[in-house]
Amino acid sequence: MNYIDSTMSTGRFFEYLCRMDNITEESDNIELFRRGEWANGFAEEFSRDLVICEEKCFEFNSLPPSRKDERRAIIRGLFRSTGEKFNINPPFHCDFGYNISIGNDFVGNFNLVILDEAEVTIGNNVFIGPNVSLCTIIHSLETGPRNRGIMRARPITICDNVWIASNVVVLPGIIIGEGAVIGAGSVVSKDVEPYTLAVGNPCRKIKDLPR
């Protein structure tokens, strides 16, 4: 799945712009995001939740290495669900936290950023290298709606036994299949097949990997 509908017809894009213009202060923006529709990301409910999450991330990042149990407790309270064993090295940042699920034996290295306006689901035995960004959010391509905060989100799924090397960006709506390896510096804009090595910008399959 591409993170932006690059093949969208002029008619379809005009339809999206019309729907964006109908977004009001009374719109249920959280529900619109969950459905993958355009919403007002500047709405008060998002601002409130962003501040709460920022406080939790600040608390997590401020704790010394000797207080790892307290770090894990913060993550368990912040995320939707976690495996029994996991390790996330600070600094770590996310937008809401409650849209993130991680499996058992998850490792997130230094400077992991998860923009979780949509669900981010990470399986078991997933290793993520330093300076990786998982981005579910898409801003409008049109300056007017974009400046009004109009955006939408698409979920990211990372299946079991995946290794994502350093400095990778995963874009909205992506599924990374089981056992895949993403090479350093890649920009993942399309789904990655299970048990493949994929590298580059845009990220492409290089070869199959043993199962």
N, C-alpha and C. Protein backbone atom coordinates (compact mmCIF):
# COMPACT_ATOMS: atom_id res chain seq x y z
N MET A 1 0.85 -1.20 0.00
CA MET A 1 0.00 0.00 0.00
C MET A 1 0.88 1.24 0.00
N ASN A 2 0.67 2.15 -0.95
CA ASN A 2 1.43 3.39 -0.99
C ASN A 2 0.93 4.35 0.08
N TYR A 3 1.82 5.15 0.66
CA TYR A 3 1.42 6.03 1.75
C TYR A 3 0.62 7.23 1.27
N ILE A 4 0.78 7.59 -0.01
CA ILE A 4 -0.03 8.65 -0.61
C ILE A 4 -0.62 8.09 -1.89
N ASP A 5 -1.89 8.40 -2.15
CA ASP A 5 -2.54 7.91 -3.35
C ASP A 5 -2.00 8.68 -4.56
N SER A 6 -0.82 8.29 -5.01
CA SER A 6 -0.15 9.04 -6.07
C SER A 6 -0.87 8.92 -7.40
N THR A 7 -1.71 7.88 -7.56
CA THR A 7 -2.44 7.69 -8.81
C THR A 7 -3.86 8.22 -8.71
N MET A 8 -4.18 8.96 -7.66
CA MET A 8 -5.53 9.48 -7.46
C MET A 8 -5.93 10.40 -8.60
N SER A 9 -7.14 10.19 -9.15
CA SER A 9 -7.63 11.02 -10.22
C SER A 9 -7.96 12.42 -9.70
N THR A 10 -8.03 13.38 -10.63
CA THR A 10 -8.40 14.75 -10.25
C THR A 10 -9.76 14.78 -9.57
N GLY A 11 -10.70 13.97 -10.09
CA GLY A 11 -12.03 13.92 -9.51
C GLY A 11 -12.03 13.42 -8.09
N ARG A 12 -11.27 12.35 -7.83
CA ARG A 12 -11.21 11.80 -6.47
C ARG A 12 -10.56 12.79 -5.51
N PHE A 13 -9.50 13.46 -5.97
CA PHE A 13 -8.82 14.41 -5.10
C PHE A 13 -9.74 15.58 -4.80
N PHE A 14 -10.53 16.05 -5.80
CA PHE A 14 -11.49 17.12 -5.55
C PHE A 14 -12.52 16.69 -4.52
N GLU A 15 -12.93 15.41 -4.61
CA GLU A 15 -13.90 14.88 -3.62
C GLU A 15 -13.31 14.93 -2.22
N TYR A 16 -12.02 14.57 -2.07
CA TYR A 16 -11.38 14.64 -0.77
C TYR A 16 -11.34 16.07 -0.24
N LEU A 17 -11.03 17.02 -1.12
CA LEU A 17 -10.98 18.41 -0.68
C LEU A 17 -12.34 18.89 -0.20
N CYS A 18 -13.42 18.46 -0.89
CA CYS A 18 -14.76 18.84 -0.47
C CYS A 18 -15.06 18.26 0.91
N ARG A 19 -14.66 17.01 1.15
CA ARG A 19 -14.91 16.39 2.44
C ARG A 19 -14.12 17.10 3.52
N MET A 20 -12.91 17.54 3.21
CA MET A 20 -12.11 18.28 4.19
C MET A 20 -12.80 19.58 4.57
N ASP A 21 -13.40 20.24 3.59
CA ASP A 21 -14.08 21.51 3.87
C ASP A 21 -15.29 21.32 4.79
N ASN A 22 -15.82 20.09 4.87
CA ASN A 22 -16.99 19.83 5.71
C ASN A 22 -16.62 19.49 7.15
N ILE A 23 -15.33 19.40 7.45
CA ILE A 23 -14.90 19.11 8.80
C ILE A 23 -15.14 20.35 9.67
N THR A 24 -15.85 20.18 10.77
CA THR A 24 -16.19 21.31 11.64
C THR A 24 -15.65 21.06 13.03
N GLU A 25 -15.82 22.04 13.91
CA GLU A 25 -15.39 21.90 15.30
C GLU A 25 -16.15 20.79 16.01
N GLU A 26 -17.36 20.46 15.50
CA GLU A 26 -18.18 19.43 16.14
C GLU A 26 -17.85 18.03 15.63
N SER A 27 -17.01 17.91 14.61
CA SER A 27 -16.67 16.60 14.05
C SER A 27 -15.97 15.74 15.10
N ASP A 28 -16.23 14.43 15.06
CA ASP A 28 -15.54 13.48 15.93
C ASP A 28 -14.22 13.13 15.26
N ASN A 29 -13.20 13.94 15.50
CA ASN A 29 -11.95 13.80 14.77
C ASN A 29 -11.22 12.51 15.10
N ILE A 30 -11.32 12.05 16.34
CA ILE A 30 -10.68 10.79 16.72
C ILE A 30 -11.27 9.64 15.92
N GLU A 31 -12.60 9.63 15.78
CA GLU A 31 -13.26 8.58 15.01
C GLU A 31 -12.91 8.68 13.53
N LEU A 32 -12.81 9.91 13.01
CA LEU A 32 -12.41 10.09 11.62
C LEU A 32 -11.01 9.52 11.38
N PHE A 33 -10.08 9.78 12.30
CA PHE A 33 -8.73 9.22 12.19
C PHE A 33 -8.78 7.70 12.19
N ARG A 34 -9.58 7.12 13.08
CA ARG A 34 -9.65 5.66 13.17
C ARG A 34 -10.17 5.03 11.89
N ARG A 35 -11.01 5.77 11.17
CA ARG A 35 -11.54 5.27 9.90
C ARG A 35 -10.63 5.60 8.73
N GLY A 36 -9.51 6.27 8.98
CA GLY A 36 -8.59 6.63 7.92
C GLY A 36 -9.06 7.79 7.07
N GLU A 37 -9.97 8.60 7.61
CA GLU A 37 -10.52 9.73 6.87
C GLU A 37 -9.82 11.03 7.29
N TRP A 38 -10.02 12.06 6.47
CA TRP A 38 -9.46 13.36 6.79
C TRP A 38 -10.07 13.90 8.08
N ALA A 39 -9.25 14.50 8.91
CA ALA A 39 -9.70 15.04 10.20
C ALA A 39 -8.90 16.28 10.53
N ASN A 40 -9.36 16.99 11.56
CA ASN A 40 -8.68 18.19 12.03
C ASN A 40 -7.69 17.82 13.13
N GLY A 41 -6.43 17.73 12.77
CA GLY A 41 -5.40 17.37 13.73
C GLY A 41 -5.09 18.45 14.74
N PHE A 42 -5.65 19.65 14.55
CA PHE A 42 -5.45 20.73 15.51
C PHE A 42 -6.57 20.76 16.56
N ALA A 43 -7.48 19.78 16.52
CA ALA A 43 -8.62 19.76 17.44
C ALA A 43 -8.16 19.63 18.89
N GLU A 44 -8.99 20.14 19.79
CA GLU A 44 -8.63 20.20 21.21
C GLU A 44 -8.34 18.82 21.80
N GLU A 45 -9.11 17.80 21.39
CA GLU A 45 -8.91 16.47 21.98
C GLU A 45 -7.52 15.92 21.64
N PHE A 46 -7.00 16.26 20.47
CA PHE A 46 -5.66 15.82 20.12
C PHE A 46 -4.60 16.59 20.90
N SER A 47 -4.80 17.89 21.04
CA SER A 47 -3.85 18.71 21.79
C SER A 47 -3.71 18.21 23.22
N ARG A 48 -4.84 17.88 23.83
CA ARG A 48 -4.81 17.38 25.21
C ARG A 48 -4.04 16.07 25.31
N ASP A 49 -4.33 15.13 24.41
CA ASP A 49 -3.68 13.82 24.46
C ASP A 49 -2.19 13.92 24.11
N LEU A 50 -1.84 14.83 23.21
CA LEU A 50 -0.43 15.03 22.87
C LEU A 50 0.37 15.50 24.08
N VAL A 51 -0.19 16.41 24.86
CA VAL A 51 0.50 16.92 26.05
C VAL A 51 0.67 15.82 27.09
N ILE A 52 -0.37 15.03 27.31
CA ILE A 52 -0.28 13.93 28.27
C ILE A 52 0.83 12.96 27.87
N CYS A 53 0.87 12.61 26.59
CA CYS A 53 1.90 11.68 26.11
C CYS A 53 3.29 12.29 26.20
N GLU A 54 3.40 13.56 25.87
CA GLU A 54 4.69 14.24 25.95
C GLU A 54 5.24 14.23 27.37
N GLU A 55 4.37 14.42 28.35
CA GLU A 55 4.79 14.36 29.75
C GLU A 55 5.32 12.97 30.11
N LYS A 56 4.63 11.92 29.64
CA LYS A 56 5.06 10.55 29.93
C LYS A 56 6.39 10.24 29.26
N CYS A 57 6.56 10.70 28.02
CA CYS A 57 7.83 10.48 27.34
C CYS A 57 8.97 11.23 28.02
N PHE A 58 8.68 12.44 28.47
CA PHE A 58 9.70 13.22 29.20
C PHE A 58 10.11 12.48 30.47
N GLU A 59 9.12 11.95 31.20
CA GLU A 59 9.41 11.21 32.42
C GLU A 59 10.26 9.98 32.11
N PHE A 60 9.90 9.24 31.07
CA PHE A 60 10.64 8.05 30.66
C PHE A 60 12.08 8.41 30.30
N ASN A 61 12.25 9.43 29.49
CA ASN A 61 13.59 9.80 29.01
C ASN A 61 14.47 10.39 30.09
N SER A 62 13.88 10.86 31.19
CA SER A 62 14.65 11.50 32.26
C SER A 62 15.17 10.50 33.30
N LEU A 63 14.68 9.28 33.27
CA LEU A 63 15.09 8.31 34.28
C LEU A 63 16.47 7.74 33.97
N PRO A 64 17.30 7.53 35.01
CA PRO A 64 18.63 6.95 34.78
C PRO A 64 18.56 5.47 34.42
N PRO A 65 19.62 4.90 33.84
CA PRO A 65 19.62 3.50 33.44
C PRO A 65 19.34 2.53 34.58
N SER A 66 19.70 2.91 35.81
CA SER A 66 19.49 2.02 36.95
C SER A 66 18.02 1.82 37.30
N ARG A 67 17.11 2.61 36.69
CA ARG A 67 15.68 2.52 37.02
C ARG A 67 14.87 1.99 35.82
N LYS A 68 15.38 0.87 35.27
CA LYS A 68 14.76 0.29 34.08
C LYS A 68 13.35 -0.21 34.36
N ASP A 69 13.12 -0.73 35.57
CA ASP A 69 11.77 -1.21 35.90
C ASP A 69 10.75 -0.07 35.84
N GLU A 70 11.16 1.11 36.31
CA GLU A 70 10.26 2.26 36.25
C GLU A 70 10.03 2.69 34.80
N ARG A 71 11.08 2.61 33.99
CA ARG A 71 10.91 2.92 32.57
C ARG A 71 9.87 1.99 31.93
N ARG A 72 10.00 0.70 32.19
CA ARG A 72 9.07 -0.27 31.59
C ARG A 72 7.65 -0.02 32.09
N ALA A 73 7.51 0.36 33.36
CA ALA A 73 6.18 0.63 33.90
C ALA A 73 5.52 1.81 33.17
N ILE A 74 6.31 2.83 32.84
CA ILE A 74 5.77 3.97 32.11
C ILE A 74 5.29 3.53 30.73
N ILE A 75 6.10 2.73 30.05
CA ILE A 75 5.71 2.26 28.71
C ILE A 75 4.46 1.39 28.78
N ARG A 76 4.38 0.53 29.78
CA ARG A 76 3.19 -0.33 29.91
C ARG A 76 1.93 0.52 30.13
N GLY A 77 2.08 1.62 30.88
CA GLY A 77 0.94 2.49 31.10
C GLY A 77 0.61 3.37 29.90
N LEU A 78 1.59 3.60 29.04
CA LEU A 78 1.43 4.49 27.89
C LEU A 78 0.88 3.75 26.67
N PHE A 79 1.38 2.54 26.40
CA PHE A 79 1.00 1.80 25.20
C PHE A 79 -0.32 1.08 25.39
N ARG A 80 -0.94 0.73 24.28
CA ARG A 80 -2.16 -0.09 24.33
C ARG A 80 -1.86 -1.46 24.91
N SER A 81 -0.76 -2.08 24.47
CA SER A 81 -0.37 -3.39 25.02
C SER A 81 1.12 -3.60 24.78
N THR A 82 1.71 -4.43 25.65
CA THR A 82 3.13 -4.78 25.52
C THR A 82 3.30 -6.27 25.80
N GLY A 83 4.39 -6.83 25.28
CA GLY A 83 4.76 -8.18 25.65
C GLY A 83 5.33 -8.21 27.06
N GLU A 84 5.60 -9.42 27.53
CA GLU A 84 6.15 -9.56 28.88
C GLU A 84 7.54 -8.95 28.98
N LYS A 85 8.36 -9.16 27.93
CA LYS A 85 9.73 -8.66 27.93
C LYS A 85 9.92 -7.71 26.74
N PHE A 86 10.49 -6.55 27.03
CA PHE A 86 10.80 -5.59 25.97
C PHE A 86 11.84 -4.61 26.49
N ASN A 87 12.51 -3.94 25.56
CA ASN A 87 13.49 -2.92 25.95
C ASN A 87 13.44 -1.77 24.96
N ILE A 88 13.24 -0.57 25.48
CA ILE A 88 13.26 0.64 24.65
C ILE A 88 14.29 1.58 25.26
N ASN A 89 15.29 1.94 24.45
CA ASN A 89 16.35 2.82 24.93
C ASN A 89 15.97 4.29 24.71
N PRO A 90 16.06 5.10 25.75
CA PRO A 90 15.80 6.53 25.56
C PRO A 90 16.93 7.19 24.76
N PRO A 91 16.65 8.29 24.08
CA PRO A 91 15.35 8.95 24.05
C PRO A 91 14.34 8.24 23.15
N PHE A 92 13.10 8.26 23.57
CA PHE A 92 11.99 7.70 22.81
C PHE A 92 10.87 8.74 22.76
N HIS A 93 10.20 8.85 21.63
CA HIS A 93 9.10 9.80 21.50
C HIS A 93 7.96 9.17 20.71
N CYS A 94 6.73 9.45 21.15
CA CYS A 94 5.54 9.08 20.39
C CYS A 94 4.50 10.17 20.58
N ASP A 95 3.42 10.12 19.80
CA ASP A 95 2.42 11.17 19.86
C ASP A 95 1.35 10.89 20.90
N PHE A 96 0.80 9.68 20.90
CA PHE A 96 -0.30 9.35 21.81
C PHE A 96 0.00 8.14 22.69
N GLY A 97 0.69 7.16 22.17
CA GLY A 97 1.03 5.97 22.94
C GLY A 97 -0.06 4.93 22.93
N TYR A 98 -1.32 5.36 23.12
CA TYR A 98 -2.40 4.39 23.24
C TYR A 98 -2.76 3.70 21.93
N ASN A 99 -2.13 4.11 20.83
CA ASN A 99 -2.32 3.41 19.56
C ASN A 99 -1.20 2.43 19.24
N ILE A 100 -0.28 2.23 20.19
CA ILE A 100 0.90 1.39 19.95
C ILE A 100 0.76 0.06 20.70
N SER A 101 1.01 -1.04 20.00
CA SER A 101 1.07 -2.37 20.61
C SER A 101 2.39 -3.02 20.21
N ILE A 102 3.11 -3.57 21.19
CA ILE A 102 4.37 -4.27 20.90
C ILE A 102 4.30 -5.67 21.49
N GLY A 103 4.96 -6.60 20.81
CA GLY A 103 4.97 -7.99 21.26
C GLY A 103 6.09 -8.28 22.23
N ASN A 104 6.32 -9.56 22.46
CA ASN A 104 7.36 -10.01 23.38
C ASN A 104 8.74 -9.88 22.74
N ASP A 105 9.74 -9.61 23.58
CA ASP A 105 11.14 -9.49 23.14
C ASP A 105 11.32 -8.41 22.08
N PHE A 106 10.62 -7.31 22.25
CA PHE A 106 10.79 -6.15 21.36
C PHE A 106 11.98 -5.32 21.82
N VAL A 107 12.78 -4.87 20.85
CA VAL A 107 13.90 -3.97 21.14
C VAL A 107 13.76 -2.72 20.28
N GLY A 108 13.67 -1.56 20.93
CA GLY A 108 13.67 -0.28 20.24
C GLY A 108 14.91 0.49 20.65
N ASN A 109 15.79 0.75 19.72
CA ASN A 109 17.05 1.40 20.06
C ASN A 109 16.89 2.92 20.16
N PHE A 110 18.01 3.60 20.41
CA PHE A 110 18.00 5.03 20.71
C PHE A 110 17.29 5.84 19.63
N ASN A 111 16.49 6.81 20.10
CA ASN A 111 15.86 7.81 19.24
C ASN A 111 14.81 7.20 18.31
N LEU A 112 14.05 6.25 18.82
CA LEU A 112 12.89 5.73 18.10
C LEU A 112 11.75 6.73 18.21
N VAL A 113 11.14 7.07 17.07
CA VAL A 113 10.01 8.00 17.03
C VAL A 113 8.83 7.29 16.38
N ILE A 114 7.68 7.29 17.08
CA ILE A 114 6.46 6.67 16.55
C ILE A 114 5.35 7.72 16.56
N LEU A 115 4.95 8.14 15.37
CA LEU A 115 3.83 9.07 15.25
C LEU A 115 2.57 8.23 15.08
N ASP A 116 1.90 7.98 16.19
CA ASP A 116 0.84 6.96 16.24
C ASP A 116 -0.56 7.56 16.20
N GLU A 117 -0.82 8.42 15.22
CA GLU A 117 -2.19 8.89 15.04
C GLU A 117 -3.12 7.74 14.63
N ALA A 118 -2.57 6.76 13.94
CA ALA A 118 -3.27 5.49 13.67
C ALA A 118 -2.56 4.38 14.44
N GLU A 119 -3.12 3.19 14.41
CA GLU A 119 -2.55 2.07 15.16
C GLU A 119 -1.19 1.67 14.59
N VAL A 120 -0.27 1.40 15.50
CA VAL A 120 1.04 0.83 15.16
C VAL A 120 1.13 -0.49 15.90
N THR A 121 1.15 -1.57 15.14
CA THR A 121 1.15 -2.91 15.72
C THR A 121 2.47 -3.60 15.39
N ILE A 122 3.20 -3.98 16.43
CA ILE A 122 4.54 -4.57 16.29
C ILE A 122 4.52 -5.94 16.94
N GLY A 123 4.99 -6.96 16.22
CA GLY A 123 4.92 -8.33 16.69
C GLY A 123 6.03 -8.71 17.65
N ASN A 124 6.24 -10.02 17.79
CA ASN A 124 7.26 -10.58 18.68
C ASN A 124 8.62 -10.59 18.00
N ASN A 125 9.67 -10.46 18.82
CA ASN A 125 11.05 -10.57 18.34
C ASN A 125 11.35 -9.58 17.22
N VAL A 126 10.92 -8.35 17.41
CA VAL A 126 11.20 -7.28 16.46
C VAL A 126 12.33 -6.43 17.00
N PHE A 127 13.35 -6.21 16.18
CA PHE A 127 14.49 -5.36 16.54
C PHE A 127 14.46 -4.11 15.67
N ILE A 128 14.50 -2.95 16.32
CA ILE A 128 14.51 -1.68 15.60
C ILE A 128 15.76 -0.91 15.99
N GLY A 129 16.55 -0.53 15.00
CA GLY A 129 17.81 0.16 15.23
C GLY A 129 17.62 1.63 15.59
N PRO A 130 18.72 2.35 15.83
CA PRO A 130 18.63 3.75 16.25
C PRO A 130 18.13 4.66 15.12
N ASN A 131 17.51 5.76 15.53
CA ASN A 131 17.08 6.82 14.61
C ASN A 131 16.06 6.33 13.58
N VAL A 132 15.10 5.54 14.04
CA VAL A 132 14.04 5.04 13.16
C VAL A 132 12.75 5.80 13.45
N SER A 133 12.01 6.12 12.39
CA SER A 133 10.72 6.81 12.52
C SER A 133 9.62 5.97 11.89
N LEU A 134 8.55 5.75 12.66
CA LEU A 134 7.35 5.08 12.15
C LEU A 134 6.25 6.15 12.10
N CYS A 135 5.82 6.51 10.91
CA CYS A 135 4.94 7.67 10.73
C CYS A 135 3.61 7.25 10.14
N THR A 136 2.52 7.39 10.90
CA THR A 136 1.20 7.03 10.39
C THR A 136 0.45 8.21 9.79
N ILE A 137 0.96 9.41 9.95
CA ILE A 137 0.18 10.61 9.62
C ILE A 137 0.48 11.12 8.21
N ILE A 138 -0.56 11.59 7.55
CA ILE A 138 -0.46 12.18 6.21
C ILE A 138 -1.10 13.56 6.25
N HIS A 139 -0.35 14.59 5.89
CA HIS A 139 -0.92 15.93 5.79
C HIS A 139 -1.50 16.15 4.40
N SER A 140 -2.42 17.08 4.30
CA SER A 140 -2.99 17.42 2.99
C SER A 140 -1.90 17.94 2.06
N LEU A 141 -2.02 17.61 0.77
CA LEU A 141 -1.09 18.14 -0.22
C LEU A 141 -1.39 19.59 -0.57
N GLU A 142 -2.60 20.04 -0.25
CA GLU A 142 -3.01 21.41 -0.55
C GLU A 142 -2.67 22.33 0.63
N THR A 143 -2.09 23.49 0.33
CA THR A 143 -1.61 24.36 1.41
C THR A 143 -2.74 24.84 2.32
N GLY A 144 -3.91 25.18 1.76
CA GLY A 144 -5.00 25.69 2.58
C GLY A 144 -5.45 24.70 3.63
N PRO A 145 -5.91 23.48 3.22
CA PRO A 145 -6.30 22.48 4.22
C PRO A 145 -5.14 22.10 5.15
N ARG A 146 -3.92 22.01 4.63
CA ARG A 146 -2.78 21.63 5.47
C ARG A 146 -2.56 22.65 6.58
N ASN A 147 -2.66 23.94 6.24
CA ASN A 147 -2.46 24.98 7.25
C ASN A 147 -3.59 25.03 8.27
N ARG A 148 -4.74 24.46 7.94
CA ARG A 148 -5.85 24.36 8.89
C ARG A 148 -5.76 23.11 9.74
N GLY A 149 -4.73 22.30 9.53
CA GLY A 149 -4.54 21.10 10.35
C GLY A 149 -5.22 19.88 9.81
N ILE A 150 -5.63 19.89 8.53
CA ILE A 150 -6.33 18.75 7.96
C ILE A 150 -5.33 17.66 7.61
N MET A 151 -5.57 16.47 8.15
CA MET A 151 -4.66 15.34 7.97
C MET A 151 -5.44 14.05 8.14
N ARG A 152 -4.82 12.94 7.79
CA ARG A 152 -5.41 11.63 8.05
C ARG A 152 -4.29 10.66 8.39
N ALA A 153 -4.66 9.49 8.88
CA ALA A 153 -3.67 8.54 9.36
C ALA A 153 -3.97 7.15 8.81
N ARG A 154 -2.91 6.37 8.60
CA ARG A 154 -3.03 4.99 8.14
C ARG A 154 -2.16 4.11 9.04
N PRO A 155 -2.66 2.93 9.44
CA PRO A 155 -1.93 2.09 10.39
C PRO A 155 -0.65 1.50 9.80
N ILE A 156 0.27 1.19 10.69
CA ILE A 156 1.51 0.49 10.34
C ILE A 156 1.52 -0.84 11.09
N THR A 157 1.86 -1.91 10.38
CA THR A 157 1.97 -3.23 10.99
C THR A 157 3.35 -3.81 10.71
N ILE A 158 4.04 -4.20 11.76
CA ILE A 158 5.35 -4.85 11.65
C ILE A 158 5.19 -6.24 12.26
N CYS A 159 5.31 -7.26 11.43
CA CYS A 159 5.04 -8.63 11.87
C CYS A 159 6.21 -9.21 12.67
N ASP A 160 6.06 -10.45 13.13
CA ASP A 160 7.06 -11.10 13.97
C ASP A 160 8.41 -11.21 13.27
N ASN A 161 9.48 -11.21 14.09
CA ASN A 161 10.84 -11.56 13.64
C ASN A 161 11.40 -10.61 12.57
N VAL A 162 11.02 -9.34 12.67
CA VAL A 162 11.52 -8.33 11.73
C VAL A 162 12.69 -7.58 12.34
N TRP A 163 13.68 -7.28 11.51
CA TRP A 163 14.78 -6.41 11.91
C TRP A 163 14.76 -5.17 11.01
N ILE A 164 14.64 -4.00 11.65
CA ILE A 164 14.71 -2.72 10.94
C ILE A 164 16.01 -2.05 11.37
N ALA A 165 16.92 -1.85 10.44
CA ALA A 165 18.23 -1.29 10.77
C ALA A 165 18.12 0.22 10.98
N SER A 166 19.24 0.88 11.22
CA SER A 166 19.25 2.27 11.66
C SER A 166 18.81 3.23 10.55
N ASN A 167 18.27 4.37 10.99
CA ASN A 167 17.93 5.50 10.11
C ASN A 167 16.90 5.14 9.04
N VAL A 168 15.92 4.32 9.41
CA VAL A 168 14.86 3.93 8.49
C VAL A 168 13.62 4.76 8.79
N VAL A 169 12.87 5.12 7.74
CA VAL A 169 11.58 5.78 7.86
C VAL A 169 10.51 4.85 7.27
N VAL A 170 9.50 4.54 8.07
CA VAL A 170 8.37 3.72 7.61
C VAL A 170 7.17 4.64 7.47
N LEU A 171 6.59 4.70 6.28
CA LEU A 171 5.53 5.65 5.97
C LEU A 171 4.14 5.06 6.26
N PRO A 172 3.10 5.89 6.24
CA PRO A 172 1.76 5.44 6.63
C PRO A 172 1.22 4.29 5.78
N GLY A 173 0.48 3.41 6.44
CA GLY A 173 -0.22 2.34 5.76
C GLY A 173 0.60 1.12 5.40
N ILE A 174 1.82 1.02 5.92
CA ILE A 174 2.75 -0.02 5.52
C ILE A 174 2.59 -1.28 6.38
N ILE A 175 2.74 -2.45 5.70
CA ILE A 175 2.85 -3.74 6.38
C ILE A 175 4.21 -4.32 6.05
N ILE A 176 4.99 -4.63 7.08
CA ILE A 176 6.28 -5.30 6.90
C ILE A 176 6.10 -6.75 7.32
N GLY A 177 6.26 -7.65 6.38
CA GLY A 177 5.95 -9.05 6.60
C GLY A 177 6.91 -9.76 7.53
N GLU A 178 6.48 -10.90 8.04
CA GLU A 178 7.26 -11.69 9.00
C GLU A 178 8.64 -12.01 8.46
N GLY A 179 9.65 -11.87 9.33
CA GLY A 179 11.01 -12.26 8.99
C GLY A 179 11.74 -11.34 8.05
N ALA A 180 11.14 -10.20 7.69
CA ALA A 180 11.79 -9.28 6.76
C ALA A 180 12.91 -8.50 7.45
N VAL A 181 13.87 -8.05 6.65
CA VAL A 181 14.96 -7.19 7.12
C VAL A 181 14.97 -5.94 6.26
N ILE A 182 14.96 -4.77 6.93
CA ILE A 182 14.98 -3.48 6.23
C ILE A 182 16.36 -2.87 6.42
N GLY A 183 17.07 -2.63 5.32
CA GLY A 183 18.43 -2.11 5.37
C GLY A 183 18.50 -0.68 5.86
N ALA A 184 19.66 -0.31 6.39
CA ALA A 184 19.86 1.02 6.98
C ALA A 184 19.59 2.12 5.96
N GLY A 185 18.96 3.20 6.44
CA GLY A 185 18.72 4.37 5.62
C GLY A 185 17.56 4.26 4.65
N SER A 186 16.78 3.19 4.74
CA SER A 186 15.68 2.98 3.79
C SER A 186 14.47 3.85 4.11
N VAL A 187 13.69 4.16 3.07
CA VAL A 187 12.39 4.81 3.21
C VAL A 187 11.35 3.82 2.68
N VAL A 188 10.55 3.28 3.59
CA VAL A 188 9.62 2.20 3.25
C VAL A 188 8.28 2.82 2.86
N SER A 189 7.99 2.85 1.56
CA SER A 189 6.76 3.46 1.05
C SER A 189 5.80 2.44 0.47
N LYS A 190 6.20 1.15 0.43
CA LYS A 190 5.33 0.07 -0.03
C LYS A 190 5.50 -1.12 0.91
N ASP A 191 4.48 -1.98 0.94
CA ASP A 191 4.54 -3.16 1.79
C ASP A 191 5.77 -4.00 1.45
N VAL A 192 6.30 -4.67 2.48
CA VAL A 192 7.49 -5.52 2.32
C VAL A 192 7.07 -6.97 2.51
N GLU A 193 7.44 -7.83 1.57
CA GLU A 193 7.07 -9.24 1.63
C GLU A 193 7.77 -9.94 2.79
N PRO A 194 7.14 -10.99 3.32
CA PRO A 194 7.79 -11.77 4.38
C PRO A 194 9.11 -12.38 3.90
N TYR A 195 10.06 -12.48 4.82
CA TYR A 195 11.34 -13.15 4.60
C TYR A 195 12.04 -12.63 3.34
N THR A 196 12.15 -11.30 3.29
CA THR A 196 12.91 -10.66 2.22
C THR A 196 13.81 -9.60 2.82
N LEU A 197 14.92 -9.34 2.13
CA LEU A 197 15.78 -8.20 2.45
C LEU A 197 15.38 -7.07 1.52
N ALA A 198 15.01 -5.92 2.10
CA ALA A 198 14.59 -4.76 1.31
C ALA A 198 15.42 -3.55 1.72
N VAL A 199 15.88 -2.80 0.75
CA VAL A 199 16.82 -1.71 1.01
C VAL A 199 16.55 -0.56 0.04
N GLY A 200 16.80 0.67 0.48
CA GLY A 200 16.85 1.80 -0.43
C GLY A 200 15.77 2.82 -0.23
N ASN A 201 15.82 3.87 -1.06
CA ASN A 201 14.84 4.95 -1.06
C ASN A 201 14.41 5.21 -2.50
N PRO A 202 13.22 4.70 -2.88
CA PRO A 202 12.28 3.92 -2.07
C PRO A 202 12.80 2.50 -1.81
N CYS A 203 12.33 1.92 -0.72
CA CYS A 203 12.80 0.60 -0.29
C CYS A 203 12.31 -0.47 -1.28
N ARG A 204 13.22 -1.32 -1.74
CA ARG A 204 12.90 -2.37 -2.71
C ARG A 204 13.47 -3.70 -2.24
N LYS A 205 12.81 -4.76 -2.64
CA LYS A 205 13.29 -6.12 -2.36
C LYS A 205 14.61 -6.37 -3.06
N ILE A 206 15.59 -6.89 -2.28
CA ILE A 206 16.90 -7.24 -2.82
C ILE A 206 16.99 -8.75 -3.05
N LYS A 207 16.53 -9.51 -2.04
CA LYS A 207 16.60 -10.96 -2.18
C LYS A 207 15.69 -11.60 -1.14
N ASP A 208 15.41 -12.89 -1.35
CA ASP A 208 14.67 -13.68 -0.37
C ASP A 208 15.60 -14.09 0.77
N LEU A 209 15.02 -14.29 1.93
CA LEU A 209 15.76 -14.74 3.11
C LEU A 209 15.26 -16.11 3.54
N PRO A 210 16.11 -16.92 4.19
CA PRO A 210 15.66 -18.25 4.63
C PRO A 210 14.59 -18.14 5.70
N ARG A 211 13.66 -19.09 5.68
CA ARG A 211 12.59 -19.10 6.68
C ARG A 211 13.01 -19.92 7.89
